[in-house]
């Protein structure tokens, strides 16, 4: 009866191939990232696929030559993404407060600020100071009813808003906004009648007036907007009476909204 060495019924790992070692059937060696199994005992016969002495057992995987080494492609603090062409690219980190978004051409990604319709707001509280006038020409309604704002883009718009309690002794009172600082034109935004004309002939009562306009700008110069008023028959009008919640504000809006 034949004798079987049970310890030999398995592959025998021999490590890296050595040209001076004698190998037996089922010995396994490594070479060049591959592994080979001996199919015929020998010494000094180099490993290879489908030779008389060796068969390949496993082949080495890709080491990056057939793919992309992402670590080598990206700079520090970059985010990896795949382009439309199938290549791996990196997006440099943005600045504080920016977000990752699709670029304007919808072909990739970029860091940028979050788009907002409102760019900035300037506010001036009227406090408790009351202003009175009987002039039939437009005059400024005091320093508390003016705001200065510097547009971030010449294509944006400025929304001006004001509110106040007023009281008149008779006739009509007209209100207007004046602009200063614009290279393309200054002065009252609406000629003659202004944005509001109010008839308040009861000296014992108070009215409440609010007004709003959207102004186009043509530069990024600092712009000052003022509330102005005039009377139709030289009667007197009081603005900011009865400790009303009176103020004036200017809001810069993205031009893309219009």
C-alpha atoms as a PDB file:
ATOM      1  CA  UNK A   1       0.000   0.000   0.000  1.00  0.00           C
ATOM      2  CA  UNK A   2       1.229   3.441  -0.842  1.00  0.00           C
ATOM      3  CA  UNK A   3       2.243   5.790   1.947  1.00  0.00           C
ATOM      4  CA  UNK A   4       0.718   9.269   1.903  1.00  0.00           C
ATOM      5  CA  UNK A   5       2.298  12.196   3.745  1.00  0.00           C
ATOM      6  CA  UNK A   6      -0.772  14.036   4.966  1.00  0.00           C
ATOM      7  CA  UNK A   7       1.340  17.106   5.734  1.00  0.00           C
ATOM      8  CA  UNK A   8       2.038  17.493   2.033  1.00  0.00           C
ATOM      9  CA  UNK A   9      -1.607  17.653   0.958  1.00  0.00           C
ATOM     10  CA  UNK A  10      -1.528  21.432   0.755  1.00  0.00           C
ATOM     11  CA  UNK A  11       0.357  24.245  -0.887  1.00  0.00           C
ATOM     12  CA  UNK A  12       3.696  25.004   0.675  1.00  0.00           C
ATOM     13  CA  UNK A  13       4.511  28.675   0.907  1.00  0.00           C
ATOM     14  CA  UNK A  14       8.213  29.218   0.250  1.00  0.00           C
ATOM     15  CA  UNK A  15       8.356  32.984   0.107  1.00  0.00           C
ATOM     16  CA  UNK A  16      10.199  34.864  -2.604  1.00  0.00           C
ATOM     17  CA  UNK A  17      11.618  32.791  -5.448  1.00  0.00           C
ATOM     18  CA  UNK A  18      15.279  31.894  -5.072  1.00  0.00           C
ATOM     19  CA  UNK A  19      17.170  30.557  -8.047  1.00  0.00           C
ATOM     20  CA  UNK A  20      19.339  28.329  -5.832  1.00  0.00           C
ATOM     21  CA  UNK A  21      16.487  26.601  -3.971  1.00  0.00           C
ATOM     22  CA  UNK A  22      15.158  23.192  -4.929  1.00  0.00           C
ATOM     23  CA  UNK A  23      11.377  23.314  -5.246  1.00  0.00           C
ATOM     24  CA  UNK A  24       8.921  20.425  -5.057  1.00  0.00           C
ATOM     25  CA  UNK A  25       5.461  20.095  -6.581  1.00  0.00           C
ATOM     26  CA  UNK A  26       2.888  22.379  -4.850  1.00  0.00           C
ATOM     27  CA  UNK A  27       5.533  24.738  -3.512  1.00  0.00           C
ATOM     28  CA  UNK A  28       4.358  28.339  -3.908  1.00  0.00           C
ATOM     29  CA  UNK A  29       6.639  31.332  -4.359  1.00  0.00           C
ATOM     30  CA  UNK A  30       6.282  35.040  -5.044  1.00  0.00           C
ATOM     31  CA  UNK A  31       7.989  37.056  -7.734  1.00  0.00           C
ATOM     32  CA  UNK A  32       7.272  40.522  -9.139  1.00  0.00           C
ATOM     33  CA  UNK A  33       4.045  40.809  -7.144  1.00  0.00           C
ATOM     34  CA  UNK A  34       2.681  37.545  -8.594  1.00  0.00           C
ATOM     35  CA  UNK A  35       2.543  34.095  -6.968  1.00  0.00           C
ATOM     36  CA  UNK A  36       3.459  30.816  -8.699  1.00  0.00           C
ATOM     37  CA  UNK A  37       2.878  27.155  -7.906  1.00  0.00           C
ATOM     38  CA  UNK A  38       5.491  24.529  -8.747  1.00  0.00           C
ATOM     39  CA  UNK A  39       4.198  21.754 -11.044  1.00  0.00           C
ATOM     40  CA  UNK A  40       7.518  19.888 -11.516  1.00  0.00           C
ATOM     41  CA  UNK A  41      10.368  19.619  -9.041  1.00  0.00           C
ATOM     42  CA  UNK A  42      13.488  21.440 -10.136  1.00  0.00           C
ATOM     43  CA  UNK A  43      16.248  23.844  -9.196  1.00  0.00           C
ATOM     44  CA  UNK A  44      17.209  26.998 -11.024  1.00  0.00           C
ATOM     45  CA  UNK A  45      14.216  27.161 -13.384  1.00  0.00           C
ATOM     46  CA  UNK A  46      12.821  30.715 -13.279  1.00  0.00           C
ATOM     47  CA  UNK A  47       9.150  31.238 -12.538  1.00  0.00           C
ATOM     48  CA  UNK A  48       6.772  32.136 -15.346  1.00  0.00           C
ATOM     49  CA  UNK A  49       3.259  31.561 -16.570  1.00  0.00           C
ATOM     50  CA  UNK A  50       2.591  28.134 -18.140  1.00  0.00           C
ATOM     51  CA  UNK A  51       6.204  26.930 -18.104  1.00  0.00           C
ATOM     52  CA  UNK A  52       7.167  23.268 -17.609  1.00  0.00           C
ATOM     53  CA  UNK A  53       7.893  23.977 -13.921  1.00  0.00           C
ATOM     54  CA  UNK A  54       5.583  26.742 -12.778  1.00  0.00           C
ATOM     55  CA  UNK A  55       1.993  27.953 -13.183  1.00  0.00           C
ATOM     56  CA  UNK A  56       0.852  31.357 -12.133  1.00  0.00           C
ATOM     57  CA  UNK A  57      -1.385  31.260  -9.081  1.00  0.00           C
ATOM     58  CA  UNK A  58      -2.317  34.941  -8.732  1.00  0.00           C
ATOM     59  CA  UNK A  59      -1.444  38.134 -10.569  1.00  0.00           C
ATOM     60  CA  UNK A  60      -0.524  41.448  -9.006  1.00  0.00           C
ATOM     61  CA  UNK A  61      -3.208  44.106  -8.973  1.00  0.00           C
ATOM     62  CA  UNK A  62      -2.820  47.621 -10.362  1.00  0.00           C
ATOM     63  CA  UNK A  63      -0.345  49.772  -8.500  1.00  0.00           C
ATOM     64  CA  UNK A  64      -1.640  53.019  -9.967  1.00  0.00           C
ATOM     65  CA  UNK A  65      -0.069  52.844 -13.405  1.00  0.00           C
ATOM     66  CA  UNK A  66      -3.426  51.812 -14.893  1.00  0.00           C
ATOM     67  CA  UNK A  67      -5.453  54.134 -12.673  1.00  0.00           C
ATOM     68  CA  UNK A  68      -4.956  57.405 -10.791  1.00  0.00           C
ATOM     69  CA  UNK A  69      -3.094  57.980  -7.564  1.00  0.00           C
ATOM     70  CA  UNK A  70      -5.502  60.428  -5.941  1.00  0.00           C
ATOM     71  CA  UNK A  71      -2.997  61.391  -3.290  1.00  0.00           C
ATOM     72  CA  UNK A  72      -0.464  62.405  -5.937  1.00  0.00           C
ATOM     73  CA  UNK A  73      -3.076  64.247  -8.031  1.00  0.00           C
ATOM     74  CA  UNK A  74      -4.496  66.447  -5.282  1.00  0.00           C
ATOM     75  CA  UNK A  75      -2.828  69.327  -3.521  1.00  0.00           C
ATOM     76  CA  UNK A  76      -3.268  69.760   0.211  1.00  0.00           C
ATOM     77  CA  UNK A  77      -6.825  70.658   1.308  1.00  0.00           C
ATOM     78  CA  UNK A  78      -8.389  69.817  -2.056  1.00  0.00           C
ATOM     79  CA  UNK A  79     -11.592  67.836  -2.594  1.00  0.00           C
ATOM     80  CA  UNK A  80     -11.485  65.139  -5.293  1.00  0.00           C
ATOM     81  CA  UNK A  81     -14.136  64.879  -8.002  1.00  0.00           C
ATOM     82  CA  UNK A  82     -14.426  63.270 -11.415  1.00  0.00           C
ATOM     83  CA  UNK A  83     -14.673  65.599 -14.427  1.00  0.00           C
ATOM     84  CA  UNK A  84     -16.922  65.167 -17.464  1.00  0.00           C
ATOM     85  CA  UNK A  85     -13.869  63.794 -19.261  1.00  0.00           C
ATOM     86  CA  UNK A  86     -13.520  61.062 -16.651  1.00  0.00           C
ATOM     87  CA  UNK A  87     -10.377  62.481 -15.055  1.00  0.00           C
ATOM     88  CA  UNK A  88      -9.842  63.008 -11.335  1.00  0.00           C
ATOM     89  CA  UNK A  89      -9.413  66.663 -10.401  1.00  0.00           C
ATOM     90  CA  UNK A  90      -9.230  68.671  -7.195  1.00  0.00           C
ATOM     91  CA  UNK A  91     -11.164  71.685  -5.925  1.00  0.00           C
ATOM     92  CA  UNK A  92      -9.030  74.079  -3.832  1.00  0.00           C
ATOM     93  CA  UNK A  93     -10.466  74.956  -0.449  1.00  0.00           C
ATOM     94  CA  UNK A  94     -12.375  78.244  -0.327  1.00  0.00           C
ATOM     95  CA  UNK A  95     -12.245  81.011   2.237  1.00  0.00           C
ATOM     96  CA  UNK A  96     -14.089  81.226   5.543  1.00  0.00           C
ATOM     97  CA  UNK A  97     -17.860  81.351   5.125  1.00  0.00           C
ATOM     98  CA  UNK A  98     -17.911  80.009   1.549  1.00  0.00           C
ATOM     99  CA  UNK A  99     -19.857  76.961   0.413  1.00  0.00           C
ATOM    100  CA  UNK A 100     -19.310  74.278  -2.213  1.00  0.00           C
ATOM    101  CA  UNK A 101     -21.604  74.898  -5.203  1.00  0.00           C
ATOM    102  CA  UNK A 102     -21.999  74.165  -8.911  1.00  0.00           C
ATOM    103  CA  UNK A 103     -20.132  76.655 -11.116  1.00  0.00           C
ATOM    104  CA  UNK A 104     -21.874  79.067 -13.501  1.00  0.00           C
ATOM    105  CA  UNK A 105     -21.375  76.768 -16.488  1.00  0.00           C
ATOM    106  CA  UNK A 106     -22.760  73.735 -14.611  1.00  0.00           C
ATOM    107  CA  UNK A 107     -19.605  71.823 -15.585  1.00  0.00           C
ATOM    108  CA  UNK A 108     -18.016  71.391 -12.180  1.00  0.00           C
ATOM    109  CA  UNK A 109     -17.817  72.603  -8.615  1.00  0.00           C
ATOM    110  CA  UNK A 110     -16.343  75.603  -6.842  1.00  0.00           C
ATOM    111  CA  UNK A 111     -16.344  77.336  -3.490  1.00  0.00           C
ATOM    112  CA  UNK A 112     -18.198  80.630  -3.334  1.00  0.00           C
ATOM    113  CA  UNK A 113     -20.442  82.860  -1.293  1.00  0.00           C
ATOM    114  CA  UNK A 114     -24.099  82.019  -0.898  1.00  0.00           C
ATOM    115  CA  UNK A 115     -26.158  84.107  -3.309  1.00  0.00           C
ATOM    116  CA  UNK A 116     -28.493  86.483  -1.538  1.00  0.00           C
ATOM    117  CA  UNK A 117     -30.926  89.057  -2.845  1.00  0.00           C
ATOM    118  CA  UNK A 118     -30.105  91.435   0.036  1.00  0.00           C
ATOM    119  CA  UNK A 119     -26.502  92.625   0.061  1.00  0.00           C
ATOM    120  CA  UNK A 120     -26.585  95.112   2.948  1.00  0.00           C
ATOM    121  CA  UNK A 121     -28.902  97.320   4.997  1.00  0.00           C
ATOM    122  CA  UNK A 122     -28.242 100.766   6.450  1.00  0.00           C
ATOM    123  CA  UNK A 123     -30.627 102.058   9.107  1.00  0.00           C
ATOM    124  CA  UNK A 124     -31.187 105.412  10.801  1.00  0.00           C
ATOM    125  CA  UNK A 125     -33.563 105.843  13.728  1.00  0.00           C
ATOM    126  CA  UNK A 126     -35.263 109.209  14.005  1.00  0.00           C
ATOM    127  CA  UNK A 127     -35.218 109.114  17.784  1.00  0.00           C
ATOM    128  CA  UNK A 128     -37.476 111.697  19.446  1.00  0.00           C
ATOM    129  CA  UNK A 129     -36.393 114.768  17.491  1.00  0.00           C
ATOM    130  CA  UNK A 130     -39.322 116.533  15.842  1.00  0.00           C
ATOM    131  CA  UNK A 131     -38.857 118.499  12.643  1.00  0.00           C
ATOM    132  CA  UNK A 132     -41.176 121.314  11.530  1.00  0.00           C
ATOM    133  CA  UNK A 133     -41.288 123.304   8.293  1.00  0.00           C
ATOM    134  CA  UNK A 134     -43.575 125.665   6.420  1.00  0.00           C
ATOM    135  CA  UNK A 135     -41.353 125.993   3.345  1.00  0.00           C
ATOM    136  CA  UNK A 136     -42.938 125.692  -0.088  1.00  0.00           C
ATOM    137  CA  UNK A 137     -39.634 124.368  -1.450  1.00  0.00           C
ATOM    138  CA  UNK A 138     -38.145 120.966  -0.640  1.00  0.00           C
ATOM    139  CA  UNK A 139     -36.010 121.024   2.501  1.00  0.00           C
ATOM    140  CA  UNK A 140     -34.164 118.240   4.340  1.00  0.00           C
ATOM    141  CA  UNK A 141     -36.080 116.642   7.230  1.00  0.00           C
ATOM    142  CA  UNK A 142     -33.115 116.666   9.580  1.00  0.00           C
ATOM    143  CA  UNK A 143     -30.004 114.496   9.921  1.00  0.00           C
ATOM    144  CA  UNK A 144     -31.920 111.544  11.374  1.00  0.00           C
ATOM    145  CA  UNK A 145     -33.761 111.085   8.088  1.00  0.00           C
ATOM    146  CA  UNK A 146     -30.756 110.314   5.929  1.00  0.00           C
ATOM    147  CA  UNK A 147     -28.669 107.207   5.300  1.00  0.00           C
ATOM    148  CA  UNK A 148     -25.394 106.616   3.466  1.00  0.00           C
ATOM    149  CA  UNK A 149     -24.752 103.334   1.682  1.00  0.00           C
ATOM    150  CA  UNK A 150     -21.913 102.180  -0.608  1.00  0.00           C
ATOM    151  CA  UNK A 151     -23.138  99.716  -3.275  1.00  0.00           C
ATOM    152  CA  UNK A 152     -21.040  96.590  -3.783  1.00  0.00           C
ATOM    153  CA  UNK A 153     -21.920  96.543  -7.502  1.00  0.00           C
ATOM    154  CA  UNK A 154     -22.942  99.236  -9.975  1.00  0.00           C
ATOM    155  CA  UNK A 155     -25.623  96.901 -11.367  1.00  0.00           C
ATOM    156  CA  UNK A 156     -27.459  96.564  -8.049  1.00  0.00           C
ATOM    157  CA  UNK A 157     -30.446  98.604  -6.852  1.00  0.00           C
ATOM    158  CA  UNK A 158     -31.103 100.535  -3.644  1.00  0.00           C
ATOM    159  CA  UNK A 159     -34.459 100.268  -1.901  1.00  0.00           C
ATOM    160  CA  UNK A 160     -35.187 103.335   0.261  1.00  0.00           C
ATOM    161  CA  UNK A 161     -37.887 103.188   2.916  1.00  0.00           C
ATOM    162  CA  UNK A 162     -39.077 105.569   5.623  1.00  0.00           C
ATOM    163  CA  UNK A 163     -41.972 105.861   8.054  1.00  0.00           C
ATOM    164  CA  UNK A 164     -43.070 108.528  10.520  1.00  0.00           C
ATOM    165  CA  UNK A 165     -46.030 110.222  12.190  1.00  0.00           C
ATOM    166  CA  UNK A 166     -46.801 113.701  10.922  1.00  0.00           C
ATOM    167  CA  UNK A 167     -49.191 116.551  11.632  1.00  0.00           C
ATOM    168  CA  UNK A 168     -50.142 119.450   9.403  1.00  0.00           C
ATOM    169  CA  UNK A 169     -51.975 122.711   9.980  1.00  0.00           C
ATOM    170  CA  UNK A 170     -53.512 122.819   6.515  1.00  0.00           C
ATOM    171  CA  UNK A 171     -52.954 122.306   2.825  1.00  0.00           C
ATOM    172  CA  UNK A 172     -50.830 119.496   1.412  1.00  0.00           C
ATOM    173  CA  UNK A 173     -47.415 118.227   2.413  1.00  0.00           C
ATOM    174  CA  UNK A 174     -45.175 116.617  -0.203  1.00  0.00           C
ATOM    175  CA  UNK A 175     -42.378 114.156   0.545  1.00  0.00           C
ATOM    176  CA  UNK A 176     -39.439 113.203  -1.640  1.00  0.00           C
ATOM    177  CA  UNK A 177     -36.089 111.393  -1.522  1.00  0.00           C
ATOM    178  CA  UNK A 178     -32.898 113.142  -2.574  1.00  0.00           C
ATOM    179  CA  UNK A 179     -29.736 111.315  -3.651  1.00  0.00           C
ATOM    180  CA  UNK A 180     -26.164 112.600  -3.448  1.00  0.00           C
ATOM    181  CA  UNK A 181     -22.885 110.954  -4.490  1.00  0.00           C
ATOM    182  CA  UNK A 182     -23.942 109.227  -7.725  1.00  0.00           C
ATOM    183  CA  UNK A 183     -21.708 110.035 -10.692  1.00  0.00           C
ATOM    184  CA  UNK A 184     -24.639 109.615 -13.101  1.00  0.00           C
ATOM    185  CA  UNK A 185     -27.053 112.027 -11.445  1.00  0.00           C
ATOM    186  CA  UNK A 186     -28.127 113.488  -8.121  1.00  0.00           C
ATOM    187  CA  UNK A 187     -30.980 115.484  -6.653  1.00  0.00           C
ATOM    188  CA  UNK A 188     -34.605 114.704  -5.930  1.00  0.00           C
ATOM    189  CA  UNK A 189     -35.560 111.266  -7.226  1.00  0.00           C
ATOM    190  CA  UNK A 190     -39.067 112.392  -8.225  1.00  0.00           C
ATOM    191  CA  UNK A 191     -39.756 115.863  -9.540  1.00  0.00           C
ATOM    192  CA  UNK A 192     -42.480 118.183  -8.262  1.00  0.00           C
ATOM    193  CA  UNK A 193     -45.036 116.021  -6.440  1.00  0.00           C
ATOM    194  CA  UNK A 194     -42.555 113.592  -4.883  1.00  0.00           C
ATOM    195  CA  UNK A 195     -43.517 110.068  -3.895  1.00  0.00           C
ATOM    196  CA  UNK A 196     -46.328 111.193  -1.627  1.00  0.00           C
ATOM    197  CA  UNK A 197     -48.529 114.181  -1.032  1.00  0.00           C
ATOM    198  CA  UNK A 198     -50.500 114.183   2.197  1.00  0.00           C
ATOM    199  CA  UNK A 199     -53.421 116.351   3.169  1.00  0.00           C
ATOM    200  CA  UNK A 200     -53.615 116.647   6.915  1.00  0.00           C
ATOM    201  CA  UNK A 201     -55.665 119.656   7.989  1.00  0.00           C
ATOM    202  CA  UNK A 202     -56.521 118.543  11.528  1.00  0.00           C
ATOM    203  CA  UNK A 203     -54.035 120.133  13.858  1.00  0.00           C
ATOM    204  CA  UNK A 204     -55.393 118.093  16.767  1.00  0.00           C
ATOM    205  CA  UNK A 205     -54.657 114.722  15.155  1.00  0.00           C
ATOM    206  CA  UNK A 206     -51.659 112.866  13.764  1.00  0.00           C
ATOM    207  CA  UNK A 207     -51.234 111.060  10.498  1.00  0.00           C
ATOM    208  CA  UNK A 208     -48.867 108.261   9.637  1.00  0.00           C
ATOM    209  CA  UNK A 209     -46.875 108.308   6.421  1.00  0.00           C
ATOM    210  CA  UNK A 210     -44.543 105.730   4.886  1.00  0.00           C
ATOM    211  CA  UNK A 211     -42.764 105.758   1.563  1.00  0.00           C
ATOM    212  CA  UNK A 212     -40.593 103.409  -0.474  1.00  0.00           C
ATOM    213  CA  UNK A 213     -38.634 103.644  -3.730  1.00  0.00           C
ATOM    214  CA  UNK A 214     -36.173 101.479  -5.661  1.00  0.00           C
ATOM    215  CA  UNK A 215     -33.287 103.438  -7.153  1.00  0.00           C
ATOM    216  CA  UNK A 216     -30.856 102.346  -9.852  1.00  0.00           C
ATOM    217  CA  UNK A 217     -27.164 103.045  -9.303  1.00  0.00           C
ATOM    218  CA  UNK A 218     -24.373 103.344 -11.841  1.00  0.00           C
ATOM    219  CA  UNK A 219     -21.294 103.160  -9.656  1.00  0.00           C
ATOM    220  CA  UNK A 220     -19.971 101.931  -6.337  1.00  0.00           C
ATOM    221  CA  UNK A 221     -19.644 105.437  -4.913  1.00  0.00           C
ATOM    222  CA  UNK A 222     -21.001 106.127  -1.445  1.00  0.00           C
ATOM    223  CA  UNK A 223     -24.587 107.340  -1.838  1.00  0.00           C
ATOM    224  CA  UNK A 224     -26.497 109.496   0.644  1.00  0.00           C
ATOM    225  CA  UNK A 225     -30.294 109.463   0.584  1.00  0.00           C
ATOM    226  CA  UNK A 226     -32.302 112.135   2.412  1.00  0.00           C
ATOM    227  CA  UNK A 227     -35.977 112.591   3.209  1.00  0.00           C
ATOM    228  CA  UNK A 228     -37.234 115.998   2.049  1.00  0.00           C
ATOM    229  CA  UNK A 229     -40.560 117.807   2.376  1.00  0.00           C
ATOM    230  CA  UNK A 230     -42.413 120.917   1.248  1.00  0.00           C
ATOM    231  CA  UNK A 231     -45.839 122.504   1.845  1.00  0.00           C
ATOM    232  CA  UNK A 232     -48.362 123.656  -0.706  1.00  0.00           C
ATOM    233  CA  UNK A 233     -49.455 126.928   0.949  1.00  0.00           C
ATOM    234  CA  UNK A 234     -46.764 127.727   3.517  1.00  0.00           C
ATOM    235  CA  UNK A 235     -48.723 125.965   6.260  1.00  0.00           C
ATOM    236  CA  UNK A 236     -46.672 124.208   8.868  1.00  0.00           C
ATOM    237  CA  UNK A 237     -46.065 120.436   9.031  1.00  0.00           C
ATOM    238  CA  UNK A 238     -44.451 118.517  11.880  1.00  0.00           C
ATOM    239  CA  UNK A 239     -42.621 115.222  11.312  1.00  0.00           C
ATOM    240  CA  UNK A 240     -41.919 112.599  14.004  1.00  0.00           C
ATOM    241  CA  UNK A 241     -44.650 113.688  16.383  1.00  0.00           C
ATOM    242  CA  UNK A 242     -45.990 111.795  19.390  1.00  0.00           C
ATOM    243  CA  UNK A 243     -42.810 109.755  19.859  1.00  0.00           C
ATOM    244  CA  UNK A 244     -43.682 107.637  16.839  1.00  0.00           C
ATOM    245  CA  UNK A 245     -41.532 104.749  15.630  1.00  0.00           C
ATOM    246  CA  UNK A 246     -39.867 106.710  12.879  1.00  0.00           C
ATOM    247  CA  UNK A 247     -36.851 105.711  10.829  1.00  0.00           C
ATOM    248  CA  UNK A 248     -35.247 105.637   7.412  1.00  0.00           C
ATOM    249  CA  UNK A 249     -33.298 102.810   5.825  1.00  0.00           C
ATOM    250  CA  UNK A 250     -31.507 101.891   2.588  1.00  0.00           C
ATOM    251  CA  UNK A 251     -31.225  98.287   1.407  1.00  0.00           C
ATOM    252  CA  UNK A 252     -28.925  97.131  -1.412  1.00  0.00           C
ATOM    253  CA  UNK A 253     -30.574  94.490  -3.625  1.00  0.00           C
ATOM    254  CA  UNK A 254     -28.907  92.216  -6.152  1.00  0.00           C
ATOM    255  CA  UNK A 255     -29.537  93.524  -9.669  1.00  0.00           C
ATOM    256  CA  UNK A 256     -30.353  90.001 -10.807  1.00  0.00           C
ATOM    257  CA  UNK A 257     -33.666  90.229  -8.946  1.00  0.00           C
ATOM    258  CA  UNK A 258     -34.998  92.793 -11.424  1.00  0.00           C
END
